[in-house]
Amino acid sequence: MNKSPGPKESGFHVFATKAAYWVGTKWAFLIATLVIIVWVISGPYFQYSDTWQLIINTGTTVVTFLVVFLIQNTQNRDARAIHLKLDEIIKAIDQAQNEMIDIEHLSDPELEKLAEKYERVRSECDTRHKRRENKKD
């Protein structure tokens, strides 16, 4: 990881961030692959028993269950940071519409209305652009 934790960062957040980063490395993938290979090779020794199958099923289920929460924690923090950065940009640009700040808190129907509004704006821009292009020809 490139950035060391700041003075206010501690506890689960630091652990989740480091763990999520590590889980996403090629080394974690390599270790997981090796575990599967060892498990497959050990099949004949354990006569492909139910216990042999249960070990990999339980192990992968537990790891997946825990990693989902670690990754979700880091994604939540990243999304919040991105929203705050975008809010700052919106606030700093005079022509930007400040009502766009915190739109992630709107309901789904409100977001759909906003999306339709901007789809109309995009369509109008496309129409104007096409008219300009046609006038040039």
Protein backbone atom coordinates (compact mmCIF):
# COMPACT_ATOMS: atom_id res chain seq x y z
CA MET A 1 0.00 0.00 0.00
CA ASN A 2 1.32 3.42 -0.91
CA LYS A 3 -0.04 5.50 1.91
CA SER A 4 0.64 4.90 5.58
CA PRO A 5 -2.25 5.43 8.00
CA GLY A 6 -2.73 8.97 9.24
CA PRO A 7 -2.86 9.90 12.91
CA LYS A 8 -6.66 9.50 13.10
CA GLU A 9 -6.77 6.17 11.28
CA SER A 10 -6.84 3.15 13.54
CA GLY A 11 -8.58 -0.07 14.38
CA PHE A 12 -10.78 -1.97 11.99
CA HIS A 13 -10.43 0.62 9.21
CA VAL A 14 -6.65 0.18 9.03
CA PHE A 15 -6.94 -3.61 9.22
CA ALA A 16 -9.70 -3.73 6.56
CA THR A 17 -7.79 -1.45 4.20
CA LYS A 18 -4.55 -3.42 4.49
CA ALA A 19 -6.33 -6.78 4.26
CA ALA A 20 -8.38 -5.74 1.22
CA TYR A 21 -5.23 -4.46 -0.45
CA TRP A 22 -3.36 -7.70 0.30
CA VAL A 23 -6.25 -9.90 -0.88
CA GLY A 24 -6.10 -8.09 -4.22
CA THR A 25 -2.43 -8.87 -4.85
CA LYS A 26 -1.00 -11.52 -7.15
CA TRP A 27 0.51 -13.20 -4.09
CA ALA A 28 -2.89 -13.79 -2.52
CA PHE A 29 -4.10 -15.25 -5.81
CA LEU A 30 -1.01 -17.47 -5.99
CA ILE A 31 -1.54 -18.74 -2.43
CA ALA A 32 -5.22 -19.46 -3.14
CA THR A 33 -4.24 -21.33 -6.30
CA LEU A 34 -1.64 -23.37 -4.40
CA VAL A 35 -4.18 -24.27 -1.71
CA ILE A 36 -6.54 -25.57 -4.41
CA ILE A 37 -3.73 -27.54 -6.09
CA VAL A 38 -2.71 -29.13 -2.78
CA TRP A 39 -6.35 -29.95 -2.06
CA VAL A 40 -6.83 -31.56 -5.50
CA ILE A 41 -3.58 -33.55 -5.21
CA SER A 42 -4.60 -34.79 -1.75
CA GLY A 43 -7.89 -36.15 -3.11
CA PRO A 44 -6.66 -39.69 -3.84
CA TYR A 45 -4.98 -39.89 -0.41
CA PHE A 46 -8.28 -39.08 1.31
CA GLN A 47 -10.19 -41.19 -1.23
CA TYR A 48 -12.18 -38.15 -2.31
CA SER A 49 -14.18 -38.46 0.91
CA ASP A 50 -16.98 -36.20 2.05
CA THR A 51 -14.61 -34.75 4.68
CA TRP A 52 -12.07 -33.93 1.96
CA GLN A 53 -14.77 -32.03 0.04
CA LEU A 54 -16.11 -30.40 3.19
CA ILE A 55 -12.68 -28.95 4.02
CA ILE A 56 -12.44 -26.94 0.79
CA ASN A 57 -16.12 -25.97 0.83
CA THR A 58 -15.97 -24.71 4.42
CA GLY A 59 -12.62 -22.99 3.96
CA THR A 60 -13.63 -21.11 0.83
CA THR A 61 -17.00 -20.16 2.31
CA VAL A 62 -15.45 -18.71 5.47
CA VAL A 63 -12.74 -16.82 3.57
CA THR A 64 -15.26 -15.45 1.07
CA PHE A 65 -17.64 -14.40 3.85
CA LEU A 66 -14.93 -12.47 5.71
CA VAL A 67 -13.34 -10.91 2.63
CA VAL A 68 -16.71 -9.56 1.45
CA PHE A 69 -16.95 -7.44 4.62
CA LEU A 70 -13.36 -6.23 4.34
CA ILE A 71 -13.79 -5.19 0.73
CA GLN A 72 -17.18 -3.58 1.40
CA ASN A 73 -15.63 -1.51 4.19
CA THR A 74 -12.91 -0.16 1.92
CA GLN A 75 -15.37 0.45 -0.94
CA ASN A 76 -17.67 2.39 1.39
CA ARG A 77 -14.78 4.59 2.50
CA ASP A 78 -13.54 5.09 -1.05
CA ALA A 79 -17.04 6.00 -2.29
CA ARG A 80 -17.49 8.47 0.56
CA ALA A 81 -14.11 10.08 -0.16
CA ILE A 82 -14.93 10.34 -3.87
CA HIS A 83 -18.29 11.94 -3.09
CA LEU A 84 -16.63 14.47 -0.80
CA LYS A 85 -14.04 15.30 -3.45
CA LEU A 86 -16.74 15.74 -6.08
CA ASP A 87 -18.75 17.89 -3.67
CA GLU A 88 -15.70 20.12 -3.22
CA ILE A 89 -15.28 20.44 -6.99
CA ILE A 90 -18.96 21.30 -7.44
CA LYS A 91 -18.73 23.87 -4.68
CA ALA A 92 -15.58 25.41 -6.18
CA ILE A 93 -16.95 25.83 -9.71
CA ASP A 94 -19.16 28.91 -9.98
CA GLN A 95 -21.28 27.55 -12.82
CA ALA A 96 -21.90 24.18 -11.15
CA GLN A 97 -25.28 23.48 -9.61
CA ASN A 98 -24.80 23.19 -5.88
CA GLU A 99 -27.96 21.12 -5.56
CA MET A 100 -25.89 18.26 -7.02
CA ILE A 101 -23.97 18.06 -3.74
CA ASP A 102 -25.12 15.02 -1.72
CA ILE A 103 -27.47 13.69 -4.41
CA GLU A 104 -26.46 10.20 -3.32
CA HIS A 105 -28.98 10.69 -0.49
CA LEU A 106 -31.91 11.13 -2.87
CA SER A 107 -34.51 8.40 -3.32
CA ASP A 108 -34.44 6.18 -6.40
CA PRO A 109 -37.38 8.04 -8.04
CA GLU A 110 -35.64 11.39 -7.40
CA LEU A 111 -32.42 10.09 -8.92
CA GLU A 112 -34.37 8.80 -11.92
CA LYS A 113 -35.93 12.25 -12.44
CA LEU A 114 -32.50 13.84 -12.27
CA ALA A 115 -31.10 11.28 -14.74
CA GLU A 116 -33.97 12.04 -17.14
CA LYS A 117 -33.27 15.78 -16.82
CA TYR A 118 -29.62 15.30 -17.74
CA GLU A 119 -30.52 12.91 -20.54
CA ARG A 120 -32.66 15.70 -22.03
CA VAL A 121 -29.74 18.14 -21.62
CA ARG A 122 -27.41 15.68 -23.35
CA SER A 123 -29.92 15.12 -26.13
CA GLU A 124 -30.31 18.89 -26.65
CA CYS A 125 -26.52 19.27 -26.80
CA ASP A 126 -26.32 16.47 -29.39
CA THR A 127 -29.05 18.14 -31.45
CA ARG A 128 -27.25 21.52 -31.36
CA HIS A 129 -23.97 19.84 -32.26
CA LYS A 130 -25.56 18.07 -35.24
CA ARG A 131 -27.12 21.36 -36.45
CA ARG A 132 -23.72 23.06 -36.28
CA GLU A 133 -22.10 20.18 -38.16
CA ASN A 134 -24.82 20.33 -40.84
CA LYS A 135 -24.34 24.10 -41.25
CA LYS A 136 -20.61 23.61 -41.80
CA ASP A 137 -21.23 21.12 -44.62
